[in-house]
C-alpha atoms as a PDB file:
ATOM      1  CA  MET A   1     116.985  98.519 139.553  1.00  0.00           C
ATOM      2  CA  GLU A   2     113.374  98.530 140.695  1.00  0.00           C
ATOM      3  CA  LYS A   3     112.546 101.240 138.163  1.00  0.00           C
ATOM      4  CA  ILE A   4     114.157  99.194 135.364  1.00  0.00           C
ATOM      5  CA  GLN A   5     112.109  96.132 136.342  1.00  0.00           C
ATOM      6  CA  LYS A   6     108.897  98.175 136.379  1.00  0.00           C
ATOM      7  CA  SER A   7     109.653  99.676 132.953  1.00  0.00           C
ATOM      8  CA  SER A   8     110.626  96.266 131.613  1.00  0.00           C
ATOM      9  CA  ASN A   9     107.352  94.771 132.862  1.00  0.00           C
ATOM     10  CA  THR A  10     105.423  97.504 131.062  1.00  0.00           C
ATOM     11  CA  ALA A  11     107.408  96.922 127.860  1.00  0.00           C
ATOM     12  CA  VAL A  12     106.860  93.152 128.094  1.00  0.00           C
ATOM     13  CA  THR A  13     103.109  93.650 128.506  1.00  0.00           C
ATOM     14  CA  ILE A  14     102.917  96.030 125.542  1.00  0.00           C
ATOM     15  CA  ALA A  15     104.997  93.655 123.394  1.00  0.00           C
ATOM     16  CA  LYS A  16     102.671  90.756 124.313  1.00  0.00           C
ATOM     17  CA  VAL A  17      99.596  92.771 123.320  1.00  0.00           C
ATOM     18  CA  LEU A  18     101.103  93.932 120.017  1.00  0.00           C
ATOM     19  CA  ARG A  19     102.301  90.404 119.242  1.00  0.00           C
ATOM     20  CA  THR A  20      98.782  89.095 119.914  1.00  0.00           C
ATOM     21  CA  PHE A  21      97.319  91.703 117.534  1.00  0.00           C
ATOM     22  CA  SER A  22      99.860  90.659 114.906  1.00  0.00           C
ATOM     23  CA  ILE A  23      98.860  87.008 115.312  1.00  0.00           C
ATOM     24  CA  ILE A  24      95.190  87.959 114.900  1.00  0.00           C
ATOM     25  CA  GLY A  25      96.121  89.974 111.790  1.00  0.00           C
ATOM     26  CA  LEU A  26      98.015  86.980 110.390  1.00  0.00           C
ATOM     27  CA  VAL A  27      95.064  84.642 110.909  1.00  0.00           C
ATOM     28  CA  PHE A  28      92.565  87.004 109.308  1.00  0.00           C
ATOM     29  CA  SER A  29      94.898  87.832 106.411  1.00  0.00           C
ATOM     30  CA  VAL A  30      95.347  84.163 105.576  1.00  0.00           C
ATOM     31  CA  LEU A  31      91.608  83.496 105.940  1.00  0.00           C
ATOM     32  CA  GLY A  32      90.831  86.466 103.702  1.00  0.00           C
ATOM     33  CA  ALA A  33      93.330  85.285 101.097  1.00  0.00           C
ATOM     34  CA  VAL A  34      91.829  81.792 101.092  1.00  0.00           C
ATOM     35  CA  CYS A  35      88.356  83.307 100.689  1.00  0.00           C
ATOM     36  CA  GLY A  36      89.653  85.559  97.899  1.00  0.00           C
ATOM     37  CA  PHE A  37      90.997  82.577  95.974  1.00  0.00           C
ATOM     38  CA  ALA A  38      87.903  80.465  96.698  1.00  0.00           C
ATOM     39  CA  MET A  39      85.411  83.192  95.812  1.00  0.00           C
ATOM     40  CA  ASN A  40      87.285  84.551  92.798  1.00  0.00           C
ATOM     41  CA  GLY A  41      84.339  83.948  90.450  1.00  0.00           C
ATOM     42  CA  PHE A  42      81.869  85.706  92.728  1.00  0.00           C
ATOM     43  CA  ILE A  43      84.213  88.660  93.276  1.00  0.00           C
ATOM     44  CA  ASN A  44      84.852  88.950  89.537  1.00  0.00           C
ATOM     45  CA  GLN A  45      81.107  88.914  88.865  1.00  0.00           C
ATOM     46  CA  TYR A  46      80.625  91.713  91.397  1.00  0.00           C
ATOM     47  CA  TYR A  47      83.273  93.838  89.686  1.00  0.00           C
ATOM     48  CA  GLN A  48      81.708  93.464  86.225  1.00  0.00           C
ATOM     49  CA  ASP A  49      79.589  96.462  87.172  1.00  0.00           C
ATOM     50  CA  PRO A  50      81.628  99.601  86.309  1.00  0.00           C
ATOM     51  CA  SER A  51      80.235 101.507  89.315  1.00  0.00           C
ATOM     52  CA  ASN A  52      81.628  98.845  91.683  1.00  0.00           C
ATOM     53  CA  VAL A  53      85.029  99.075  90.003  1.00  0.00           C
ATOM     54  CA  ALA A  54      84.939 102.866  90.362  1.00  0.00           C
ATOM     55  CA  ALA A  55      84.068 102.539  94.058  1.00  0.00           C
ATOM     56  CA  ALA A  56      87.009 100.170  94.626  1.00  0.00           C
ATOM     57  CA  GLN A  57      89.486 102.124  92.500  1.00  0.00           C
ATOM     58  CA  SER A  58      91.569 103.244  95.483  1.00  0.00           C
ATOM     59  CA  SER A  59      91.931  99.603  96.625  1.00  0.00           C
ATOM     60  CA  LEU A  60      92.897  98.528  93.134  1.00  0.00           C
ATOM     61  CA  GLU A  61      95.563 101.234  92.901  1.00  0.00           C
ATOM     62  CA  ALA A  62      96.906 100.766  96.447  1.00  0.00           C
ATOM     63  CA  ASP A  63      99.532  98.220  95.513  1.00  0.00           C
ATOM     64  CA  MET A  64     101.761  97.023  98.297  1.00  0.00           C
ATOM     65  CA  GLY A  65     105.542  97.294  98.077  1.00  0.00           C
ATOM     66  CA  ILE A  66     106.436  94.301  95.946  1.00  0.00           C
ATOM     67  CA  PHE A  67     103.659  95.138  93.489  1.00  0.00           C
ATOM     68  CA  GLY A  68     105.536  98.279  92.555  1.00  0.00           C
ATOM     69  CA  LEU A  69     108.241  96.012  91.140  1.00  0.00           C
ATOM     70  CA  ILE A  70     105.937  93.485  89.459  1.00  0.00           C
ATOM     71  CA  PRO A  71     103.071  94.815  87.312  1.00  0.00           C
ATOM     72  CA  PHE A  72      99.808  93.096  88.187  1.00  0.00           C
ATOM     73  CA  THR A  73      97.748  95.005  85.651  1.00  0.00           C
ATOM     74  CA  SER A  74      97.192  91.816  83.656  1.00  0.00           C
ATOM     75  CA  ILE A  75      95.418  90.245  86.641  1.00  0.00           C
ATOM     76  CA  LYS A  76      93.185  93.291  87.084  1.00  0.00           C
ATOM     77  CA  GLU A  77      92.552  93.741  83.360  1.00  0.00           C
ATOM     78  CA  GLY A  78      91.760  90.033  83.066  1.00  0.00           C
ATOM     79  CA  GLY A  79      89.034  90.497  85.661  1.00  0.00           C
ATOM     80  CA  ASN A  80      90.690  88.383  88.347  1.00  0.00           C
ATOM     81  CA  PHE A  81      90.010  90.811  91.178  1.00  0.00           C
ATOM     82  CA  GLY A  82      89.644  88.037  93.773  1.00  0.00           C
ATOM     83  CA  ILE A  83      93.144  86.769  93.054  1.00  0.00           C
ATOM     84  CA  PHE A  84      94.529  90.313  93.182  1.00  0.00           C
ATOM     85  CA  PHE A  85      92.979  90.971  96.611  1.00  0.00           C
ATOM     86  CA  ALA A  86      94.099  87.535  97.842  1.00  0.00           C
ATOM     87  CA  ILE A  87      97.697  88.278  96.846  1.00  0.00           C
ATOM     88  CA  GLN A  88      97.514  91.592  98.718  1.00  0.00           C
ATOM     89  CA  LEU A  89      96.254  89.758 101.802  1.00  0.00           C
ATOM     90  CA  LEU A  90      99.098  87.251 101.541  1.00  0.00           C
ATOM     91  CA  CYS A  91     101.522  90.180 101.534  1.00  0.00           C
ATOM     92  CA  CYS A  92      99.791  91.406 104.709  1.00  0.00           C
ATOM     93  CA  ALA A  93     100.299  87.942 106.203  1.00  0.00           C
ATOM     94  CA  VAL A  94     104.044  88.104 105.506  1.00  0.00           C
ATOM     95  CA  VAL A  95     104.208  91.503 107.194  1.00  0.00           C
ATOM     96  CA  CYS A  96     102.283  90.123 110.185  1.00  0.00           C
ATOM     97  CA  VAL A  97     104.873  87.350 110.511  1.00  0.00           C
ATOM     98  CA  ALA A  98     107.622  89.986 110.535  1.00  0.00           C
ATOM     99  CA  PHE A  99     105.815  91.965 113.245  1.00  0.00           C
ATOM    100  CA  ILE A 100     105.201  88.796 115.289  1.00  0.00           C
ATOM    101  CA  TYR A 101     108.945  88.237 115.180  1.00  0.00           C
ATOM    102  CA  ILE A 102     109.765  91.853 116.091  1.00  0.00           C
ATOM    103  CA  PHE A 103     107.413  91.959 119.063  1.00  0.00           C
ATOM    104  CA  GLY A 104     108.488  88.482 120.177  1.00  0.00           C
ATOM    105  CA  MET A 105     112.106  89.635 120.103  1.00  0.00           C
ATOM    106  CA  LEU A 106     111.229  92.787 122.036  1.00  0.00           C
ATOM    107  CA  LYS A 107     109.360  90.732 124.641  1.00  0.00           C
ATOM    108  CA  LYS A 108     112.265  88.300 125.010  1.00  0.00           C
ATOM    109  CA  THR A 109     114.818  91.104 125.209  1.00  0.00           C
ATOM    110  CA  MET A 110     112.889  93.039 127.848  1.00  0.00           C
ATOM    111  CA  GLU A 111     112.297  89.872 129.901  1.00  0.00           C
ATOM    112  CA  ASN A 112     116.053  89.241 129.846  1.00  0.00           C
ATOM    113  CA  VAL A 113     116.751  92.845 130.866  1.00  0.00           C
ATOM    114  CA  ARG A 114     114.237  92.528 133.698  1.00  0.00           C
ATOM    115  CA  ASP A 115     115.569  89.184 134.935  1.00  0.00           C
ATOM    116  CA  THR A 116     119.322  89.327 134.273  1.00  0.00           C
ATOM    117  CA  GLY A 117     120.132  92.947 133.477  1.00  0.00           C
ATOM    118  CA  LYS A 118     121.379  91.946 130.009  1.00  0.00           C
ATOM    119  CA  ALA A 119     119.393  91.754 126.808  1.00  0.00           C
ATOM    120  CA  PHE A 120     121.161  88.779 125.226  1.00  0.00           C
ATOM    121  CA  ALA A 121     124.494  87.008 125.282  1.00  0.00           C
ATOM    122  CA  LEU A 122     127.243  88.699 123.298  1.00  0.00           C
ATOM    123  CA  SER A 123     127.753  85.429 121.407  1.00  0.00           C
ATOM    124  CA  GLU A 124     124.284  85.896 119.843  1.00  0.00           C
ATOM    125  CA  THR A 125     124.940  89.374 118.408  1.00  0.00           C
ATOM    126  CA  ALA A 126     125.631  88.189 114.849  1.00  0.00           C
ATOM    127  CA  THR A 127     122.417  86.160 114.803  1.00  0.00           C
ATOM    128  CA  TYR A 128     120.395  89.090 116.097  1.00  0.00           C
ATOM    129  CA  LYS A 129     121.915  91.445 113.549  1.00  0.00           C
ATOM    130  CA  LYS A 130     121.152  89.111 110.608  1.00  0.00           C
ATOM    131  CA  THR A 131     117.578  88.493 111.658  1.00  0.00           C
ATOM    132  CA  PHE A 132     116.950  92.219 112.158  1.00  0.00           C
ATOM    133  CA  ILE A 133     118.224  92.914 108.640  1.00  0.00           C
ATOM    134  CA  ILE A 134     116.077  90.133 107.151  1.00  0.00           C
ATOM    135  CA  THR A 135     112.998  91.435 108.974  1.00  0.00           C
ATOM    136  CA  SER A 136     113.545  94.966 107.665  1.00  0.00           C
ATOM    137  CA  ILE A 137     113.983  93.659 104.099  1.00  0.00           C
ATOM    138  CA  LEU A 138     110.743  91.651 104.355  1.00  0.00           C
ATOM    139  CA  ILE A 139     108.855  94.751 105.449  1.00  0.00           C
ATOM    140  CA  LEU A 140     110.454  96.749 102.621  1.00  0.00           C
ATOM    141  CA  LEU A 141     109.459  94.186  99.995  1.00  0.00           C
ATOM    142  CA  PHE A 142     105.931  93.576 101.170  1.00  0.00           C
ATOM    143  CA  VAL A 143     104.866  97.004 102.463  1.00  0.00           C
ATOM    144  CA  ASP A 144     106.832 100.103 101.592  1.00  0.00           C
ATOM    145  CA  LEU A 145     110.008 102.007 102.297  1.00  0.00           C
ATOM    146  CA  VAL A 146     108.766 104.139 105.214  1.00  0.00           C
ATOM    147  CA  PRO A 147     107.608 101.268 107.487  1.00  0.00           C
ATOM    148  CA  ALA A 148     110.801  99.378 106.659  1.00  0.00           C
ATOM    149  CA  LEU A 149     112.905 102.370 107.666  1.00  0.00           C
ATOM    150  CA  ILE A 150     110.958 102.781 110.908  1.00  0.00           C
ATOM    151  CA  ALA A 151     111.296  99.077 111.756  1.00  0.00           C
ATOM    152  CA  GLY A 152     114.974  99.128 110.786  1.00  0.00           C
ATOM    153  CA  ILE A 153     115.724 102.160 112.940  1.00  0.00           C
ATOM    154  CA  LEU A 154     113.892 100.622 115.909  1.00  0.00           C
ATOM    155  CA  LEU A 155     115.678  97.295 115.524  1.00  0.00           C
ATOM    156  CA  ILE A 156     119.105  98.901 115.075  1.00  0.00           C
ATOM    157  CA  GLY A 157     118.454 101.137 118.083  1.00  0.00           C
ATOM    158  CA  LEU A 158     117.405  98.153 120.192  1.00  0.00           C
ATOM    159  CA  PHE A 159     120.468  96.227 119.076  1.00  0.00           C
ATOM    160  CA  ASN A 160     122.922  99.081 119.714  1.00  0.00           C
ATOM    161  CA  VAL A 161     121.479  99.960 123.115  1.00  0.00           C
ATOM    162  CA  THR A 162     121.612  96.373 124.325  1.00  0.00           C
ATOM    163  CA  VAL A 163     125.147  95.762 123.031  1.00  0.00           C
ATOM    164  CA  ALA A 164     126.357  99.044 124.548  1.00  0.00           C
ATOM    165  CA  GLY A 165     124.785  98.105 127.873  1.00  0.00           C
ATOM    166  CA  GLN A 166     126.572  94.756 127.878  1.00  0.00           C
ATOM    167  CA  SER A 167     130.012  96.117 127.051  1.00  0.00           C
ATOM    168  CA  GLU A 168     130.102  98.276 130.163  1.00  0.00           C
END
C-alpha cells in the first residue's frame, strides 16, 4: 500500500504540473487570438510582401484538424492572415481546455486511489465514459487523428483499469 501511495503522489504531482502548463497554454492562446484579431490590419500589411508569405508558407499550410474539413483558402487569399492565425490559436485554446480536463481528471483519480484505494464510485462510470468520449472527439476535431487516438487510448485505459480494480 505504501508503494501505491508513493506512486500516486508522483502521478498527482506530474498531473498538477501538466495541468498548469495547459492552463498557461490556454491563456497565451487566447491572448494570441485576441491580438491576431486586433492586429489583423498590421499582420495583413506585413504579409503583402511575397518574401514574408514564402517564409510563413509552412504555417499557412499547417491547418489544424477542423480546417481539413472547412476550406479557409478564402481567408488566406483575401489577405486576412491575422484572422487565420487567430482562428488557429482559438483551436489551440480548445485543445488546452481538453488537456486541462484530462490532467484534472488524472489528478483527481490518482488522489482518490491514494486516499481511498478506489478511483471513483461505480455510480459515476457512465459520466466518466461520456466525458472521456467527448474529450477525445474535441481533440480529433481541433488537432488531428493521432493525438485523439493517443488521448482516447489513455482515457480508455485509465477507465478500464480503475473499473477493473473496483470490481474485485
